[in-house]
Amino acid sequence: MKTLKKIPGYLCVALLLIVVTYPLIWLFLGSFKTQDEFLNNPTTSLPESFTNFGNYTQAWSSVATYLQNSLLTVLPSLALIIVLGTAAGFALEVLVWKGRQTTLMLFLAGIMIPGQMILLPLFTIYFNLHLTGTLWPLIITYTATGLPLTVFMMATYFRAIPKTVFEAAAMDGASVIRSFWSIGFPMMRNSVLTIALVQFFFLWNDLLIALTFTTDDAQRTVQVGLLNFTGQFGVVEYGPTFAAICINVLLILAIYVFLNQRVMRGLAAGAVKG
C-alpha cells in the first residue's frame, strides 16, 4: 500500500523530468543535423551523423564575440550590484540612523517599476551623453535595475545576524568600514553567492535591455546575437543556430550545477529568522 501511494508522486516527477529534459535533448540532437535534414526529414528524426561538429565550429565563430560582450557587461555590473547592494543592506539593517526605513521603501519601490517604462528616457539620456555605441549603457542600466532586489535581499540576510556581533566589534575599536569588510561581508559569503547567481542569470538572459541599447553587431550580447543568428543572405541555418543555443545553455547549466550546493546553503541562511 505504501508503494501504491507513492506511484502518483513518481508519475508527477517523471512527467516533470520529461518536460524539462525533452527540449534539451531535442536541442542537442538538432545541433548535429544539416540544413537538408531540417528541411526534408521529420522533426523527431535522429541526426544522420553525430560527428557533424561543423555546426559548432560555425556557431563558435560568432558566439565567441557575443559571449565576450556578455562577459564585459555582466561581470562589471554584477560586481557593482554586489558591492553596492551589500553595503546598502549593511547600512539599512546594522547601522542606526534616521530615515533608514524610508530609504528601504524607496529601494523597494524600484522593484515595482517596469523596465519597459525607463528604456526610452534612458536611451535619450545615453544619446545626449554620447554613450550610445558603447557597452556603458548596458553596464549602467544593469546595475540600476539589479540594485533594488539585491538591497532588499541583503537587508533580509543582515537582519538574521545578531547585532551584538557588530556591537562587540565597535567596542573593540573597529570602524564602520572595518566592521563591514572584516565581519559583515565574510559572514554573508553564501548569501552573496546566492544573490550573485540570481542576478547573473537575470542579466545574462536579458534580451530587452540589450536589444534596445546595442546598435552594432560587434556589441551584441549572446541573447541578442542568438536572436539575429542568420547565415548568408539572411537565411536561418538551423544547425549552427541550434549549436549556438547549445553552447549558451550548457555554459549556464554547468555554472548552476557546479554552484548548486552553495546556492542552497545561501537560501537556507536567508530563511533563518533573527
C-alpha atoms as a PDB file:
ATOM      1  CA  MET A   1       0.000   0.000   0.000  1.00  0.00           C
ATOM      2  CA  LYS A   2       2.859   2.402   0.776  1.00  0.00           C
ATOM      3  CA  THR A   3       4.321   1.737  -2.677  1.00  0.00           C
ATOM      4  CA  LEU A   4       0.963   2.290  -4.348  1.00  0.00           C
ATOM      5  CA  LYS A   5       0.561   5.629  -2.560  1.00  0.00           C
ATOM      6  CA  LYS A   6       3.931   6.778  -3.902  1.00  0.00           C
ATOM      7  CA  ILE A   7       3.120   5.933  -7.536  1.00  0.00           C
ATOM      8  CA  PRO A   8       1.277   9.246  -8.271  1.00  0.00           C
ATOM      9  CA  GLY A   9       4.263  11.158  -6.911  1.00  0.00           C
ATOM     10  CA  TYR A  10       6.667   9.149  -9.050  1.00  0.00           C
ATOM     11  CA  LEU A  11       4.493   9.763 -12.115  1.00  0.00           C
ATOM     12  CA  CYS A  12       4.476  13.510 -11.480  1.00  0.00           C
ATOM     13  CA  VAL A  13       8.261  13.559 -11.085  1.00  0.00           C
ATOM     14  CA  ALA A  14       8.681  11.523 -14.271  1.00  0.00           C
ATOM     15  CA  LEU A  15       6.355  13.873 -16.161  1.00  0.00           C
ATOM     16  CA  LEU A  16       8.253  16.941 -14.960  1.00  0.00           C
ATOM     17  CA  LEU A  17      11.538  15.262 -15.876  1.00  0.00           C
ATOM     18  CA  ILE A  18      10.302  14.610 -19.405  1.00  0.00           C
ATOM     19  CA  VAL A  19       9.038  18.176 -19.772  1.00  0.00           C
ATOM     20  CA  VAL A  20      12.413  19.572 -18.688  1.00  0.00           C
ATOM     21  CA  THR A  21      14.783  17.176 -20.460  1.00  0.00           C
ATOM     22  CA  TYR A  22      12.968  16.649 -23.771  1.00  0.00           C
ATOM     23  CA  PRO A  23      13.615  20.185 -25.130  1.00  0.00           C
ATOM     24  CA  LEU A  24      17.291  19.916 -24.121  1.00  0.00           C
ATOM     25  CA  ILE A  25      17.701  16.533 -25.824  1.00  0.00           C
ATOM     26  CA  TRP A  26      15.867  17.773 -28.933  1.00  0.00           C
ATOM     27  CA  LEU A  27      18.091  20.856 -28.998  1.00  0.00           C
ATOM     28  CA  PHE A  28      21.274  18.796 -28.603  1.00  0.00           C
ATOM     29  CA  LEU A  29      20.303  16.339 -31.348  1.00  0.00           C
ATOM     30  CA  GLY A  30      19.325  19.171 -33.665  1.00  0.00           C
ATOM     31  CA  SER A  31      22.771  20.728 -33.318  1.00  0.00           C
ATOM     32  CA  PHE A  32      24.219  17.789 -35.305  1.00  0.00           C
ATOM     33  CA  LYS A  33      21.728  17.956 -38.183  1.00  0.00           C
ATOM     34  CA  THR A  34      22.451  19.504 -41.554  1.00  0.00           C
ATOM     35  CA  GLN A  35      20.241  22.089 -43.225  1.00  0.00           C
ATOM     36  CA  ASP A  36      18.926  19.424 -45.592  1.00  0.00           C
ATOM     37  CA  GLU A  37      17.890  17.204 -42.679  1.00  0.00           C
ATOM     38  CA  PHE A  38      15.950  20.042 -41.079  1.00  0.00           C
ATOM     39  CA  LEU A  39      14.095  20.817 -44.277  1.00  0.00           C
ATOM     40  CA  ASN A  40      13.374  17.299 -45.560  1.00  0.00           C
ATOM     41  CA  ASN A  41      13.353  14.928 -42.574  1.00  0.00           C
ATOM     42  CA  PRO A  42      10.750  14.784 -39.760  1.00  0.00           C
ATOM     43  CA  THR A  43      11.494  16.944 -36.734  1.00  0.00           C
ATOM     44  CA  THR A  44      11.577  13.856 -34.500  1.00  0.00           C
ATOM     45  CA  SER A  45      14.196  12.040 -36.598  1.00  0.00           C
ATOM     46  CA  LEU A  46      17.705  11.480 -35.291  1.00  0.00           C
ATOM     47  CA  PRO A  47      20.674  13.145 -36.993  1.00  0.00           C
ATOM     48  CA  GLU A  48      22.332  11.055 -39.679  1.00  0.00           C
ATOM     49  CA  SER A  49      25.748  11.681 -38.122  1.00  0.00           C
ATOM     50  CA  PHE A  50      26.816  12.549 -34.578  1.00  0.00           C
ATOM     51  CA  THR A  51      30.229  13.722 -35.773  1.00  0.00           C
ATOM     52  CA  ASN A  52      28.968  16.794 -37.592  1.00  0.00           C
ATOM     53  CA  PHE A  53      30.905  19.299 -35.485  1.00  0.00           C
ATOM     54  CA  GLY A  54      30.927  21.783 -38.346  1.00  0.00           C
ATOM     55  CA  ASN A  55      27.793  23.366 -36.863  1.00  0.00           C
ATOM     56  CA  TYR A  56      29.628  24.060 -33.608  1.00  0.00           C
ATOM     57  CA  THR A  57      32.650  25.424 -35.453  1.00  0.00           C
ATOM     58  CA  GLN A  58      30.471  27.769 -37.484  1.00  0.00           C
ATOM     59  CA  ALA A  59      28.462  28.808 -34.427  1.00  0.00           C
ATOM     60  CA  TRP A  60      31.526  29.455 -32.269  1.00  0.00           C
ATOM     61  CA  SER A  61      32.975  31.907 -34.796  1.00  0.00           C
ATOM     62  CA  SER A  62      30.095  34.268 -33.997  1.00  0.00           C
ATOM     63  CA  VAL A  63      29.120  33.191 -30.475  1.00  0.00           C
ATOM     64  CA  ALA A  64      32.623  33.841 -29.143  1.00  0.00           C
ATOM     65  CA  THR A  65      32.201  37.575 -29.781  1.00  0.00           C
ATOM     66  CA  TYR A  66      28.721  37.573 -28.264  1.00  0.00           C
ATOM     67  CA  LEU A  67      29.962  35.727 -25.168  1.00  0.00           C
ATOM     68  CA  GLN A  68      32.800  38.213 -24.784  1.00  0.00           C
ATOM     69  CA  ASN A  69      30.379  41.144 -24.937  1.00  0.00           C
ATOM     70  CA  SER A  70      28.108  39.475 -22.382  1.00  0.00           C
ATOM     71  CA  LEU A  71      31.023  38.945 -20.012  1.00  0.00           C
ATOM     72  CA  LEU A  72      32.213  42.541 -20.471  1.00  0.00           C
ATOM     73  CA  THR A  73      28.768  43.836 -19.498  1.00  0.00           C
ATOM     74  CA  VAL A  74      27.533  41.299 -16.947  1.00  0.00           C
ATOM     75  CA  LEU A  75      30.657  40.900 -14.784  1.00  0.00           C
ATOM     76  CA  PRO A  76      31.263  44.630 -14.065  1.00  0.00           C
ATOM     77  CA  SER A  77      27.536  45.134 -13.488  1.00  0.00           C
ATOM     78  CA  LEU A  78      27.433  42.145 -11.164  1.00  0.00           C
ATOM     79  CA  ALA A  79      30.431  43.390  -9.178  1.00  0.00           C
ATOM     80  CA  LEU A  80      28.838  46.822  -8.705  1.00  0.00           C
ATOM     81  CA  ILE A  81      25.488  45.279  -7.754  1.00  0.00           C
ATOM     82  CA  ILE A  82      27.038  43.017  -5.119  1.00  0.00           C
ATOM     83  CA  VAL A  83      29.333  45.625  -3.543  1.00  0.00           C
ATOM     84  CA  LEU A  84      26.795  48.456  -3.532  1.00  0.00           C
ATOM     85  CA  GLY A  85      23.855  46.220  -2.628  1.00  0.00           C
ATOM     86  CA  THR A  86      25.688  44.548   0.258  1.00  0.00           C
ATOM     87  CA  ALA A  87      26.909  47.892   1.588  1.00  0.00           C
ATOM     88  CA  ALA A  88      23.379  49.314   1.374  1.00  0.00           C
ATOM     89  CA  GLY A  89      21.915  46.269   3.156  1.00  0.00           C
ATOM     90  CA  PHE A  90      24.543  46.652   5.889  1.00  0.00           C
ATOM     91  CA  ALA A  91      23.730  50.341   6.299  1.00  0.00           C
ATOM     92  CA  LEU A  92      19.983  49.748   6.389  1.00  0.00           C
ATOM     93  CA  GLU A  93      19.950  46.879   8.898  1.00  0.00           C
ATOM     94  CA  VAL A  94      23.080  47.193  11.037  1.00  0.00           C
ATOM     95  CA  LEU A  95      23.606  50.941  11.335  1.00  0.00           C
ATOM     96  CA  VAL A  96      21.155  53.110  13.237  1.00  0.00           C
ATOM     97  CA  TRP A  97      20.263  56.389  11.543  1.00  0.00           C
ATOM     98  CA  LYS A  98      17.201  58.473  10.879  1.00  0.00           C
ATOM     99  CA  GLY A  99      15.262  57.705   7.727  1.00  0.00           C
ATOM    100  CA  ARG A 100      16.599  54.230   7.028  1.00  0.00           C
ATOM    101  CA  GLN A 101      13.099  52.714   6.777  1.00  0.00           C
ATOM    102  CA  THR A 102      12.094  55.372   4.260  1.00  0.00           C
ATOM    103  CA  THR A 103      15.244  54.660   2.275  1.00  0.00           C
ATOM    104  CA  LEU A 104      14.462  50.940   2.263  1.00  0.00           C
ATOM    105  CA  MET A 105      10.956  51.699   0.981  1.00  0.00           C
ATOM    106  CA  LEU A 106      12.467  53.751  -1.840  1.00  0.00           C
ATOM    107  CA  PHE A 107      14.617  50.802  -2.852  1.00  0.00           C
ATOM    108  CA  LEU A 108      11.568  48.531  -2.730  1.00  0.00           C
ATOM    109  CA  ALA A 109       9.709  50.989  -4.954  1.00  0.00           C
ATOM    110  CA  GLY A 110      12.386  50.401  -7.569  1.00  0.00           C
ATOM    111  CA  ILE A 111      11.331  46.746  -7.788  1.00  0.00           C
ATOM    112  CA  MET A 112       7.810  47.765  -8.779  1.00  0.00           C
ATOM    113  CA  ILE A 113       8.885  49.968 -11.714  1.00  0.00           C
ATOM    114  CA  PRO A 114       8.589  48.017 -15.002  1.00  0.00           C
ATOM    115  CA  GLY A 115      11.765  48.047 -17.023  1.00  0.00           C
ATOM    116  CA  GLN A 116       9.882  48.889 -20.224  1.00  0.00           C
ATOM    117  CA  MET A 117       8.932  52.293 -18.810  1.00  0.00           C
ATOM    118  CA  ILE A 118      12.505  53.528 -18.422  1.00  0.00           C
ATOM    119  CA  LEU A 119      14.011  52.363 -21.723  1.00  0.00           C
ATOM    120  CA  LEU A 120      13.036  55.382 -23.846  1.00  0.00           C
ATOM    121  CA  PRO A 121      14.118  58.028 -21.276  1.00  0.00           C
ATOM    122  CA  LEU A 122      17.374  56.156 -20.695  1.00  0.00           C
ATOM    123  CA  PHE A 123      18.062  55.912 -24.426  1.00  0.00           C
ATOM    124  CA  THR A 124      17.585  59.681 -24.736  1.00  0.00           C
ATOM    125  CA  ILE A 125      19.945  60.325 -21.814  1.00  0.00           C
ATOM    126  CA  TYR A 126      22.618  57.989 -23.157  1.00  0.00           C
ATOM    127  CA  PHE A 127      22.334  59.579 -26.601  1.00  0.00           C
ATOM    128  CA  ASN A 128      22.793  63.075 -25.174  1.00  0.00           C
ATOM    129  CA  LEU A 129      25.793  61.881 -23.152  1.00  0.00           C
ATOM    130  CA  HIS A 130      27.298  60.277 -26.287  1.00  0.00           C
ATOM    131  CA  LEU A 131      27.348  56.846 -24.651  1.00  0.00           C
ATOM    132  CA  THR A 132      25.466  55.083 -27.434  1.00  0.00           C
ATOM    133  CA  GLY A 133      27.649  52.804 -29.484  1.00  0.00           C
ATOM    134  CA  THR A 134      29.430  51.527 -26.362  1.00  0.00           C
ATOM    135  CA  LEU A 135      28.718  48.932 -23.679  1.00  0.00           C
ATOM    136  CA  TRP A 136      28.358  51.541 -20.922  1.00  0.00           C
ATOM    137  CA  PRO A 137      24.554  51.878 -21.306  1.00  0.00           C
ATOM    138  CA  LEU A 138      24.182  48.163 -20.578  1.00  0.00           C
ATOM    139  CA  ILE A 139      26.503  48.274 -17.540  1.00  0.00           C
ATOM    140  CA  ILE A 140      24.760  51.315 -16.036  1.00  0.00           C
ATOM    141  CA  THR A 141      21.247  50.003 -16.714  1.00  0.00           C
ATOM    142  CA  TYR A 142      22.009  46.511 -15.418  1.00  0.00           C
ATOM    143  CA  THR A 143      23.470  47.966 -12.215  1.00  0.00           C
ATOM    144  CA  ALA A 144      20.491  50.249 -11.645  1.00  0.00           C
ATOM    145  CA  THR A 145      17.883  47.548 -12.299  1.00  0.00           C
ATOM    146  CA  GLY A 146      19.669  44.941 -10.169  1.00  0.00           C
ATOM    147  CA  LEU A 147      20.228  47.068  -7.072  1.00  0.00           C
ATOM    148  CA  PRO A 148      16.646  47.233  -5.636  1.00  0.00           C
ATOM    149  CA  LEU A 149      16.201  43.467  -5.336  1.00  0.00           C
ATOM    150  CA  THR A 150      19.787  42.997  -4.105  1.00  0.00           C
ATOM    151  CA  VAL A 151      19.405  45.656  -1.397  1.00  0.00           C
ATOM    152  CA  PHE A 152      16.139  44.112  -0.217  1.00  0.00           C
ATOM    153  CA  MET A 153      17.595  40.585  -0.063  1.00  0.00           C
ATOM    154  CA  MET A 154      20.845  41.679   1.607  1.00  0.00           C
ATOM    155  CA  ALA A 155      18.904  43.657   4.204  1.00  0.00           C
ATOM    156  CA  THR A 156      16.921  40.487   4.942  1.00  0.00           C
ATOM    157  CA  TYR A 157      20.103  38.440   5.318  1.00  0.00           C
ATOM    158  CA  PHE A 158      21.754  41.028   7.597  1.00  0.00           C
ATOM    159  CA  ARG A 159      18.618  41.009   9.747  1.00  0.00           C
ATOM    160  CA  ALA A 160      19.392  37.380  10.672  1.00  0.00           C
ATOM    161  CA  ILE A 161      22.830  38.278  12.091  1.00  0.00           C
ATOM    162  CA  PRO A 162      22.809  39.215  15.806  1.00  0.00           C
ATOM    163  CA  LYS A 163      23.548  42.898  16.295  1.00  0.00           C
ATOM    164  CA  THR A 164      25.755  42.030  19.257  1.00  0.00           C
ATOM    165  CA  VAL A 165      28.447  40.845  16.828  1.00  0.00           C
ATOM    166  CA  PHE A 166      28.833  44.337  15.387  1.00  0.00           C
ATOM    167  CA  GLU A 167      28.438  45.975  18.791  1.00  0.00           C
ATOM    168  CA  ALA A 168      31.335  43.904  20.098  1.00  0.00           C
ATOM    169  CA  ALA A 169      33.426  44.927  17.095  1.00  0.00           C
ATOM    170  CA  ALA A 170      32.614  48.597  17.735  1.00  0.00           C
ATOM    171  CA  MET A 171      33.623  48.239  21.394  1.00  0.00           C
ATOM    172  CA  ASP A 172      36.960  46.779  20.242  1.00  0.00           C
ATOM    173  CA  GLY A 173      37.565  49.923  18.204  1.00  0.00           C
ATOM    174  CA  ALA A 174      36.557  48.717  14.737  1.00  0.00           C
ATOM    175  CA  SER A 175      35.261  51.412  12.408  1.00  0.00           C
ATOM    176  CA  VAL A 176      32.093  51.023  10.359  1.00  0.00           C
ATOM    177  CA  ILE A 177      34.077  50.211   7.215  1.00  0.00           C
ATOM    178  CA  ARG A 178      36.224  47.677   9.093  1.00  0.00           C
ATOM    179  CA  SER A 179      33.120  46.036  10.554  1.00  0.00           C
ATOM    180  CA  PHE A 180      31.619  45.748   7.085  1.00  0.00           C
ATOM    181  CA  TRP A 181      34.659  44.314   5.286  1.00  0.00           C
ATOM    182  CA  SER A 182      36.071  42.165   8.114  1.00  0.00           C
ATOM    183  CA  ILE A 183      32.867  40.922   9.765  1.00  0.00           C
ATOM    184  CA  GLY A 184      29.724  41.603   7.760  1.00  0.00           C
ATOM    185  CA  PHE A 185      30.888  40.716   4.270  1.00  0.00           C
ATOM    186  CA  PRO A 186      32.674  37.429   5.217  1.00  0.00           C
ATOM    187  CA  MET A 187      29.632  36.267   7.184  1.00  0.00           C
ATOM    188  CA  MET A 188      27.466  36.794   4.095  1.00  0.00           C
ATOM    189  CA  ARG A 189      29.543  34.730   1.662  1.00  0.00           C
ATOM    190  CA  ASN A 190      26.875  32.133   0.893  1.00  0.00           C
ATOM    191  CA  SER A 191      24.190  34.800   0.698  1.00  0.00           C
ATOM    192  CA  VAL A 192      26.327  36.950  -1.587  1.00  0.00           C
ATOM    193  CA  LEU A 193      26.949  33.964  -3.853  1.00  0.00           C
ATOM    194  CA  THR A 194      23.226  33.183  -3.985  1.00  0.00           C
ATOM    195  CA  ILE A 195      22.295  36.737  -4.930  1.00  0.00           C
ATOM    196  CA  ALA A 196      25.185  36.913  -7.394  1.00  0.00           C
ATOM    197  CA  LEU A 197      23.934  33.810  -9.198  1.00  0.00           C
ATOM    198  CA  VAL A 198      20.344  35.068  -9.279  1.00  0.00           C
ATOM    199  CA  GLN A 199      21.465  38.394 -10.716  1.00  0.00           C
ATOM    200  CA  PHE A 200      23.929  36.714 -13.080  1.00  0.00           C
ATOM    201  CA  PHE A 201      21.223  34.557 -14.646  1.00  0.00           C
ATOM    202  CA  PHE A 202      18.895  37.562 -14.894  1.00  0.00           C
ATOM    203  CA  LEU A 203      21.499  39.777 -16.574  1.00  0.00           C
ATOM    204  CA  TRP A 204      22.909  37.035 -18.796  1.00  0.00           C
ATOM    205  CA  ASN A 205      19.473  36.102 -20.130  1.00  0.00           C
ATOM    206  CA  ASP A 206      18.369  39.698 -20.650  1.00  0.00           C
ATOM    207  CA  LEU A 207      17.122  40.453 -24.148  1.00  0.00           C
ATOM    208  CA  LEU A 208      15.012  43.619 -23.944  1.00  0.00           C
ATOM    209  CA  ILE A 209      17.635  45.982 -22.488  1.00  0.00           C
ATOM    210  CA  ALA A 210      20.452  44.605 -24.633  1.00  0.00           C
ATOM    211  CA  LEU A 211      18.311  44.775 -27.764  1.00  0.00           C
ATOM    212  CA  THR A 212      17.439  48.402 -27.028  1.00  0.00           C
ATOM    213  CA  PHE A 213      20.941  49.731 -26.376  1.00  0.00           C
ATOM    214  CA  THR A 214      23.079  47.680 -28.782  1.00  0.00           C
ATOM    215  CA  THR A 215      23.204  49.343 -32.187  1.00  0.00           C
ATOM    216  CA  ASP A 216      26.088  47.424 -33.736  1.00  0.00           C
ATOM    217  CA  ASP A 217      26.625  43.722 -34.397  1.00  0.00           C
ATOM    218  CA  ALA A 218      30.059  43.923 -32.742  1.00  0.00           C
ATOM    219  CA  GLN A 219      28.393  44.979 -29.452  1.00  0.00           C
ATOM    220  CA  ARG A 220      25.634  42.380 -29.314  1.00  0.00           C
ATOM    221  CA  THR A 221      25.365  40.214 -26.239  1.00  0.00           C
ATOM    222  CA  VAL A 222      24.758  36.496 -26.543  1.00  0.00           C
ATOM    223  CA  GLN A 223      20.947  36.710 -26.345  1.00  0.00           C
ATOM    224  CA  VAL A 224      20.706  39.432 -28.981  1.00  0.00           C
ATOM    225  CA  GLY A 225      23.222  37.564 -31.107  1.00  0.00           C
ATOM    226  CA  LEU A 226      21.158  34.372 -30.956  1.00  0.00           C
ATOM    227  CA  LEU A 227      18.040  36.321 -31.901  1.00  0.00           C
ATOM    228  CA  ASN A 228      19.757  37.604 -35.038  1.00  0.00           C
ATOM    229  CA  PHE A 229      21.754  34.441 -35.752  1.00  0.00           C
ATOM    230  CA  THR A 230      21.345  34.025 -39.504  1.00  0.00           C
ATOM    231  CA  GLY A 231      23.515  32.792 -42.306  1.00  0.00           C
ATOM    232  CA  GLN A 232      24.300  34.272 -45.690  1.00  0.00           C
ATOM    233  CA  PHE A 233      21.554  36.399 -47.292  1.00  0.00           C
ATOM    234  CA  GLY A 234      19.575  36.351 -44.036  1.00  0.00           C
ATOM    235  CA  VAL A 235      18.619  32.669 -44.285  1.00  0.00           C
ATOM    236  CA  VAL A 236      18.334  30.897 -40.944  1.00  0.00           C
ATOM    237  CA  GLU A 237      20.787  27.994 -40.744  1.00  0.00           C
ATOM    238  CA  TYR A 238      19.162  25.744 -38.185  1.00  0.00           C
ATOM    239  CA  GLY A 239      22.160  23.515 -37.425  1.00  0.00           C
ATOM    240  CA  PRO A 240      24.549  26.325 -36.398  1.00  0.00           C
ATOM    241  CA  THR A 241      21.682  28.099 -34.626  1.00  0.00           C
ATOM    242  CA  PHE A 242      20.927  25.013 -32.517  1.00  0.00           C
ATOM    243  CA  ALA A 243      24.654  24.611 -31.835  1.00  0.00           C
ATOM    244  CA  ALA A 244      24.935  28.248 -30.696  1.00  0.00           C
ATOM    245  CA  ILE A 245      21.965  27.813 -28.353  1.00  0.00           C
ATOM    246  CA  CYS A 246      23.520  24.599 -27.005  1.00  0.00           C
ATOM    247  CA  ILE A 247      26.757  26.404 -26.202  1.00  0.00           C
ATOM    248  CA  ASN A 248      24.871  29.056 -24.233  1.00  0.00           C
ATOM    249  CA  VAL A 249      22.599  26.587 -22.420  1.00  0.00           C
ATOM    250  CA  LEU A 250      25.400  24.189 -21.485  1.00  0.00           C
ATOM    251  CA  LEU A 251      27.520  27.047 -20.166  1.00  0.00           C
ATOM    252  CA  ILE A 252      24.753  28.301 -17.874  1.00  0.00           C
ATOM    253  CA  LEU A 253      23.813  24.764 -16.826  1.00  0.00           C
ATOM    254  CA  ALA A 254      27.427  23.945 -15.910  1.00  0.00           C
ATOM    255  CA  ILE A 255      27.679  27.068 -13.731  1.00  0.00           C
ATOM    256  CA  TYR A 256      24.458  26.225 -11.910  1.00  0.00           C
ATOM    257  CA  VAL A 257      25.324  22.555 -11.349  1.00  0.00           C
ATOM    258  CA  PHE A 258      28.788  23.453 -10.067  1.00  0.00           C
ATOM    259  CA  LEU A 259      27.482  26.048  -7.570  1.00  0.00           C
ATOM    260  CA  ASN A 260      24.139  24.425  -6.730  1.00  0.00           C
ATOM    261  CA  GLN A 261      25.035  23.417  -3.166  1.00  0.00           C
ATOM    262  CA  ARG A 262      26.261  26.905  -2.276  1.00  0.00           C
ATOM    263  CA  VAL A 263      23.019  28.335  -3.612  1.00  0.00           C
ATOM    264  CA  MET A 264      21.003  26.005  -1.385  1.00  0.00           C
ATOM    265  CA  ARG A 265      23.050  26.979   1.676  1.00  0.00           C
ATOM    266  CA  GLY A 266      22.598  30.647   0.856  1.00  0.00           C
ATOM    267  CA  LEU A 267      18.826  30.286   0.527  1.00  0.00           C
ATOM    268  CA  ALA A 268      18.679  28.395   3.839  1.00  0.00           C
ATOM    269  CA  ALA A 269      20.714  31.148   5.503  1.00  0.00           C
ATOM    270  CA  GLY A 270      18.209  33.746   4.349  1.00  0.00           C
ATOM    271  CA  ALA A 271      15.331  31.726   5.779  1.00  0.00           C
ATOM    272  CA  VAL A 272      16.628  31.934   9.369  1.00  0.00           C
ATOM    273  CA  LYS A 273      14.726  34.390  11.464  1.00  0.00           C
ATOM    274  CA  GLY A 274      16.929  36.689  13.567  1.00  0.00           C
END
